[in-house]
Amino acid sequence: MNQPSDTIFGKIIRKEIPAQIVFESEEVLAFKDINPQAPLHILIIPKKPLKDIADARLEDENLLGKLLIVAGEIARREGVQQSGFRLVINNGKNAGQEVPHLHVHLLAGRKMSWPPG
């Protein structure tokens, strides 16, 4: 596996800076967002340093699936699977991606509006 990126997420993966980790496996890490946009706001990231979803390749299909499976597991653990939750992946600056490391936002605990942006 490649080394995690030298972003804030890479530093969290390497435990160089603290985070409120809610899930960890060999390939995936999930932690509470420090600037939450909903009562529940969890970031789910691959430990593999993928810059964004467009950086992923076919060989990453299992890893990408794991990100979504982990999101569902966290939603069940947090008790929001029935009331609803939103998953968001921003890709690039114009989409609002601030950290160049692929991440899935799990947002819940309030009514979401549409369209989101």
N, C-alpha and C. Protein backbone atom coordinates (compact mmCIF):
# COMPACT_ATOMS: atom_id res chain seq x y z
N MET A 1 0.85 -1.19 0.00
CA MET A 1 0.00 0.00 0.00
C MET A 1 0.89 1.24 0.00
N ASN A 2 0.48 2.25 -0.75
CA ASN A 2 1.22 3.51 -0.79
C ASN A 2 1.16 4.22 0.55
N GLN A 3 2.09 5.13 0.77
CA GLN A 3 2.06 5.94 1.98
C GLN A 3 0.88 6.91 1.91
N PRO A 4 0.22 7.17 3.04
CA PRO A 4 -0.86 8.15 3.05
C PRO A 4 -0.35 9.53 2.63
N SER A 5 -1.21 10.30 2.05
CA SER A 5 -0.83 11.62 1.55
C SER A 5 -0.37 12.54 2.67
N ASP A 6 0.37 13.57 2.27
CA ASP A 6 0.88 14.53 3.24
C ASP A 6 -0.12 15.68 3.41
N THR A 7 -1.35 15.30 3.69
CA THR A 7 -2.41 16.27 3.98
C THR A 7 -2.79 16.10 5.44
N ILE A 8 -3.73 16.89 5.89
CA ILE A 8 -4.22 16.72 7.26
C ILE A 8 -4.78 15.31 7.44
N PHE A 9 -5.40 14.75 6.40
CA PHE A 9 -5.94 13.39 6.51
C PHE A 9 -4.81 12.36 6.61
N GLY A 10 -3.74 12.56 5.85
CA GLY A 10 -2.59 11.68 5.95
C GLY A 10 -2.00 11.71 7.35
N LYS A 11 -1.96 12.89 7.94
CA LYS A 11 -1.44 13.03 9.31
C LYS A 11 -2.36 12.35 10.32
N ILE A 12 -3.67 12.40 10.08
CA ILE A 12 -4.61 11.70 10.96
C ILE A 12 -4.42 10.19 10.81
N ILE A 13 -4.27 9.71 9.58
CA ILE A 13 -4.05 8.28 9.34
C ILE A 13 -2.80 7.81 10.09
N ARG A 14 -1.74 8.60 10.03
CA ARG A 14 -0.47 8.24 10.67
C ARG A 14 -0.47 8.54 12.17
N LYS A 15 -1.60 9.07 12.68
CA LYS A 15 -1.76 9.40 14.12
C LYS A 15 -0.79 10.50 14.56
N GLU A 16 -0.42 11.37 13.61
CA GLU A 16 0.44 12.50 13.94
C GLU A 16 -0.36 13.65 14.56
N ILE A 17 -1.64 13.70 14.24
CA ILE A 17 -2.54 14.65 14.88
C ILE A 17 -3.79 13.90 15.34
N PRO A 18 -4.40 14.36 16.42
CA PRO A 18 -5.55 13.62 16.96
C PRO A 18 -6.82 13.83 16.14
N ALA A 19 -7.69 12.85 16.25
CA ALA A 19 -9.02 12.93 15.64
C ALA A 19 -9.94 12.05 16.47
N GLN A 20 -11.24 12.36 16.41
CA GLN A 20 -12.24 11.52 17.09
C GLN A 20 -12.62 10.40 16.13
N ILE A 21 -11.85 9.33 16.18
CA ILE A 21 -12.03 8.20 15.27
C ILE A 21 -13.24 7.38 15.70
N VAL A 22 -14.11 7.08 14.73
CA VAL A 22 -15.30 6.28 15.01
C VAL A 22 -15.24 4.90 14.34
N PHE A 23 -14.30 4.72 13.41
CA PHE A 23 -14.13 3.44 12.73
C PHE A 23 -12.72 3.40 12.16
N GLU A 24 -12.10 2.20 12.26
CA GLU A 24 -10.80 2.02 11.61
C GLU A 24 -10.63 0.57 11.22
N SER A 25 -10.15 0.37 9.99
CA SER A 25 -9.77 -0.95 9.49
C SER A 25 -8.42 -0.77 8.80
N GLU A 26 -7.95 -1.82 8.18
CA GLU A 26 -6.66 -1.75 7.48
C GLU A 26 -6.70 -0.74 6.34
N GLU A 27 -7.88 -0.57 5.72
CA GLU A 27 -7.98 0.26 4.52
C GLU A 27 -8.77 1.55 4.68
N VAL A 28 -9.57 1.66 5.74
CA VAL A 28 -10.51 2.78 5.88
C VAL A 28 -10.42 3.37 7.29
N LEU A 29 -10.57 4.70 7.35
CA LEU A 29 -10.62 5.41 8.62
C LEU A 29 -11.80 6.37 8.58
N ALA A 30 -12.53 6.47 9.68
CA ALA A 30 -13.66 7.40 9.76
C ALA A 30 -13.54 8.17 11.08
N PHE A 31 -13.81 9.47 10.99
CA PHE A 31 -13.67 10.33 12.16
C PHE A 31 -14.62 11.51 12.06
N LYS A 32 -14.89 12.13 13.22
CA LYS A 32 -15.79 13.27 13.26
C LYS A 32 -15.15 14.49 12.61
N ASP A 33 -15.93 15.20 11.81
CA ASP A 33 -15.46 16.43 11.16
C ASP A 33 -15.29 17.51 12.22
N ILE A 34 -14.19 18.26 12.16
CA ILE A 34 -13.95 19.31 13.16
C ILE A 34 -14.77 20.57 12.88
N ASN A 35 -15.39 20.63 11.70
CA ASN A 35 -16.25 21.76 11.35
C ASN A 35 -17.59 21.19 10.86
N PRO A 36 -18.37 20.59 11.78
CA PRO A 36 -19.58 19.85 11.35
C PRO A 36 -20.64 20.74 10.70
N GLN A 37 -21.22 20.20 9.64
CA GLN A 37 -22.28 20.88 8.90
C GLN A 37 -23.65 20.28 9.22
N ALA A 38 -23.68 19.34 10.15
CA ALA A 38 -24.92 18.70 10.61
C ALA A 38 -24.62 18.16 12.01
N PRO A 39 -25.66 17.84 12.78
CA PRO A 39 -25.42 17.29 14.12
C PRO A 39 -24.50 16.06 14.10
N LEU A 40 -24.62 15.24 13.07
CA LEU A 40 -23.69 14.13 12.87
C LEU A 40 -22.97 14.39 11.55
N HIS A 41 -21.65 14.53 11.62
CA HIS A 41 -20.85 14.77 10.41
C HIS A 41 -19.56 13.97 10.56
N ILE A 42 -19.50 12.86 9.83
CA ILE A 42 -18.37 11.95 9.87
C ILE A 42 -17.69 11.97 8.50
N LEU A 43 -16.36 11.96 8.51
CA LEU A 43 -15.58 11.83 7.28
C LEU A 43 -15.06 10.41 7.19
N ILE A 44 -15.25 9.79 6.05
CA ILE A 44 -14.82 8.41 5.81
C ILE A 44 -13.78 8.46 4.70
N ILE A 45 -12.57 8.02 5.00
CA ILE A 45 -11.48 8.16 4.05
C ILE A 45 -10.78 6.83 3.81
N PRO A 46 -10.24 6.66 2.60
CA PRO A 46 -9.37 5.50 2.38
C PRO A 46 -7.99 5.83 2.94
N LYS A 47 -7.32 4.83 3.44
CA LYS A 47 -5.94 5.05 3.87
C LYS A 47 -5.00 5.17 2.67
N LYS A 48 -5.40 4.60 1.55
CA LYS A 48 -4.64 4.76 0.31
C LYS A 48 -4.75 6.22 -0.12
N PRO A 49 -3.65 6.84 -0.53
CA PRO A 49 -3.69 8.26 -0.88
C PRO A 49 -4.28 8.52 -2.27
N LEU A 50 -5.60 8.57 -2.34
CA LEU A 50 -6.28 8.96 -3.57
C LEU A 50 -6.66 10.43 -3.43
N LYS A 51 -6.27 11.26 -4.39
CA LYS A 51 -6.53 12.70 -4.30
C LYS A 51 -8.02 13.00 -4.31
N ASP A 52 -8.76 12.32 -5.16
CA ASP A 52 -10.20 12.53 -5.26
C ASP A 52 -10.82 11.34 -5.98
N ILE A 53 -12.11 11.36 -6.18
CA ILE A 53 -12.78 10.22 -6.81
C ILE A 53 -12.30 10.03 -8.25
N ALA A 54 -11.94 11.11 -8.92
CA ALA A 54 -11.45 11.01 -10.29
C ALA A 54 -10.05 10.38 -10.34
N ASP A 55 -9.36 10.33 -9.22
CA ASP A 55 -8.04 9.71 -9.12
C ASP A 55 -8.15 8.18 -8.97
N ALA A 56 -9.33 7.69 -8.61
CA ALA A 56 -9.54 6.25 -8.41
C ALA A 56 -9.54 5.53 -9.75
N ARG A 57 -9.11 4.29 -9.72
CA ARG A 57 -9.05 3.46 -10.92
C ARG A 57 -9.83 2.17 -10.68
N LEU A 58 -9.98 1.37 -11.70
CA LEU A 58 -10.72 0.11 -11.58
C LEU A 58 -10.19 -0.76 -10.46
N GLU A 59 -8.89 -0.76 -10.24
CA GLU A 59 -8.33 -1.59 -9.17
C GLU A 59 -8.74 -1.09 -7.78
N ASP A 60 -9.35 0.08 -7.70
CA ASP A 60 -9.81 0.63 -6.42
C ASP A 60 -11.28 0.32 -6.14
N GLU A 61 -11.93 -0.49 -7.01
CA GLU A 61 -13.37 -0.70 -6.85
C GLU A 61 -13.73 -1.31 -5.51
N ASN A 62 -12.96 -2.26 -5.00
CA ASN A 62 -13.27 -2.84 -3.69
C ASN A 62 -13.12 -1.82 -2.57
N LEU A 63 -12.08 -1.00 -2.66
CA LEU A 63 -11.86 0.04 -1.66
C LEU A 63 -13.01 1.05 -1.67
N LEU A 64 -13.44 1.47 -2.85
CA LEU A 64 -14.54 2.42 -2.94
C LEU A 64 -15.82 1.83 -2.37
N GLY A 65 -16.04 0.55 -2.63
CA GLY A 65 -17.20 -0.13 -2.05
C GLY A 65 -17.12 -0.16 -0.53
N LYS A 66 -15.93 -0.39 -0.01
CA LYS A 66 -15.75 -0.42 1.44
C LYS A 66 -16.09 0.92 2.08
N LEU A 67 -15.76 2.03 1.40
CA LEU A 67 -16.12 3.35 1.94
C LEU A 67 -17.63 3.45 2.15
N LEU A 68 -18.41 2.96 1.19
CA LEU A 68 -19.86 3.03 1.29
C LEU A 68 -20.41 2.05 2.33
N ILE A 69 -19.83 0.86 2.40
CA ILE A 69 -20.25 -0.12 3.41
C ILE A 69 -19.99 0.44 4.81
N VAL A 70 -18.84 1.06 5.01
CA VAL A 70 -18.51 1.67 6.30
C VAL A 70 -19.50 2.79 6.61
N ALA A 71 -19.87 3.58 5.62
CA ALA A 71 -20.86 4.64 5.84
C ALA A 71 -22.17 4.06 6.36
N GLY A 72 -22.63 2.99 5.74
CA GLY A 72 -23.86 2.34 6.20
C GLY A 72 -23.73 1.79 7.61
N GLU A 73 -22.58 1.21 7.92
CA GLU A 73 -22.34 0.68 9.26
C GLU A 73 -22.36 1.80 10.30
N ILE A 74 -21.73 2.91 10.00
CA ILE A 74 -21.72 4.04 10.93
C ILE A 74 -23.13 4.59 11.11
N ALA A 75 -23.88 4.69 10.02
CA ALA A 75 -25.26 5.17 10.11
C ALA A 75 -26.09 4.27 11.02
N ARG A 76 -25.91 2.95 10.92
CA ARG A 76 -26.61 2.03 11.81
C ARG A 76 -26.17 2.22 13.26
N ARG A 77 -24.87 2.29 13.47
CA ARG A 77 -24.34 2.47 14.84
C ARG A 77 -24.86 3.76 15.48
N GLU A 78 -24.98 4.81 14.68
CA GLU A 78 -25.40 6.12 15.18
C GLU A 78 -26.92 6.25 15.24
N GLY A 79 -27.63 5.25 14.72
CA GLY A 79 -29.09 5.24 14.78
C GLY A 79 -29.77 6.21 13.83
N VAL A 80 -29.12 6.51 12.70
CA VAL A 80 -29.72 7.46 11.75
C VAL A 80 -30.17 6.80 10.45
N GLN A 81 -30.08 5.46 10.38
CA GLN A 81 -30.46 4.79 9.14
C GLN A 81 -31.95 4.96 8.84
N GLN A 82 -32.79 5.06 9.85
CA GLN A 82 -34.23 5.20 9.63
C GLN A 82 -34.63 6.63 9.33
N SER A 83 -34.08 7.58 10.08
CA SER A 83 -34.44 8.99 9.87
C SER A 83 -33.81 9.56 8.60
N GLY A 84 -32.70 8.99 8.18
CA GLY A 84 -32.06 9.39 6.94
C GLY A 84 -30.71 10.05 7.15
N PHE A 85 -29.87 9.91 6.12
CA PHE A 85 -28.56 10.53 6.14
C PHE A 85 -28.15 10.80 4.70
N ARG A 86 -27.17 11.66 4.55
CA ARG A 86 -26.68 12.01 3.21
C ARG A 86 -25.21 11.68 3.13
N LEU A 87 -24.80 11.12 1.99
CA LEU A 87 -23.39 10.90 1.68
C LEU A 87 -23.00 11.87 0.57
N VAL A 88 -21.87 12.54 0.75
CA VAL A 88 -21.41 13.53 -0.22
C VAL A 88 -19.93 13.27 -0.51
N ILE A 89 -19.59 13.30 -1.80
CA ILE A 89 -18.19 13.27 -2.23
C ILE A 89 -17.98 14.50 -3.10
N ASN A 90 -17.18 15.42 -2.64
CA ASN A 90 -16.82 16.60 -3.43
C ASN A 90 -15.56 16.27 -4.22
N ASN A 91 -15.52 16.66 -5.49
CA ASN A 91 -14.38 16.37 -6.34
C ASN A 91 -13.87 17.67 -6.96
N GLY A 92 -12.79 18.21 -6.41
CA GLY A 92 -12.18 19.42 -6.94
C GLY A 92 -12.69 20.68 -6.26
N LYS A 93 -11.96 21.77 -6.50
CA LYS A 93 -12.25 23.06 -5.84
C LYS A 93 -13.66 23.57 -6.09
N ASN A 94 -14.12 23.54 -7.33
CA ASN A 94 -15.45 24.07 -7.63
C ASN A 94 -16.57 23.28 -6.97
N ALA A 95 -16.28 22.05 -6.60
CA ALA A 95 -17.27 21.22 -5.91
C ALA A 95 -17.19 21.39 -4.39
N GLY A 96 -16.18 22.12 -3.92
CA GLY A 96 -16.04 22.35 -2.49
C GLY A 96 -15.04 21.44 -1.79
N GLN A 97 -14.25 20.69 -2.55
CA GLN A 97 -13.25 19.82 -1.92
C GLN A 97 -12.13 20.69 -1.37
N GLU A 98 -11.90 20.60 -0.06
CA GLU A 98 -10.87 21.42 0.58
C GLU A 98 -9.59 20.65 0.85
N VAL A 99 -9.69 19.35 1.07
CA VAL A 99 -8.51 18.52 1.34
C VAL A 99 -8.32 17.58 0.16
N PRO A 100 -7.14 17.60 -0.48
CA PRO A 100 -6.91 16.74 -1.65
C PRO A 100 -6.62 15.29 -1.27
N HIS A 101 -7.58 14.70 -0.60
CA HIS A 101 -7.55 13.28 -0.24
C HIS A 101 -9.02 12.84 -0.27
N LEU A 102 -9.33 11.85 -1.09
CA LEU A 102 -10.71 11.39 -1.24
C LEU A 102 -11.37 11.20 0.12
N HIS A 103 -12.57 11.73 0.26
CA HIS A 103 -13.32 11.53 1.50
C HIS A 103 -14.82 11.59 1.23
N VAL A 104 -15.54 10.79 2.01
CA VAL A 104 -16.99 10.75 1.94
C VAL A 104 -17.51 11.43 3.20
N HIS A 105 -18.40 12.40 3.03
CA HIS A 105 -19.06 13.05 4.17
C HIS A 105 -20.34 12.27 4.48
N LEU A 106 -20.52 11.87 5.72
CA LEU A 106 -21.79 11.31 6.18
C LEU A 106 -22.43 12.39 7.04
N LEU A 107 -23.57 12.90 6.60
CA LEU A 107 -24.29 13.98 7.28
C LEU A 107 -25.65 13.48 7.73
N ALA A 108 -26.02 13.78 8.96
CA ALA A 108 -27.31 13.33 9.48
C ALA A 108 -27.69 14.16 10.70
N GLY A 109 -28.92 13.96 11.13
CA GLY A 109 -29.37 14.61 12.35
C GLY A 109 -30.18 15.88 12.11
N ARG A 110 -30.41 16.22 10.85
CA ARG A 110 -31.25 17.36 10.51
C ARG A 110 -31.86 17.12 9.14
N LYS A 111 -32.91 17.87 8.83
CA LYS A 111 -33.54 17.77 7.51
C LYS A 111 -32.61 18.40 6.47
N MET A 112 -32.37 17.69 5.40
CA MET A 112 -31.51 18.17 4.32
C MET A 112 -32.38 18.79 3.23
N SER A 113 -31.85 19.81 2.58
CA SER A 113 -32.59 20.42 1.48
C SER A 113 -31.99 19.96 0.15
N TRP A 114 -32.74 20.21 -0.92
CA TRP A 114 -32.30 19.86 -2.27
C TRP A 114 -32.70 20.95 -3.22
N PRO A 115 -31.86 21.41 -4.12
CA PRO A 115 -30.51 20.93 -4.34
C PRO A 115 -29.55 21.42 -3.27
N PRO A 116 -28.46 20.70 -3.05
CA PRO A 116 -27.59 21.00 -1.92
C PRO A 116 -26.70 22.21 -2.10
N GLY A 117 -26.38 22.64 -3.31
CA GLY A 117 -25.34 23.66 -3.44
C GLY A 117 -25.81 24.95 -3.95
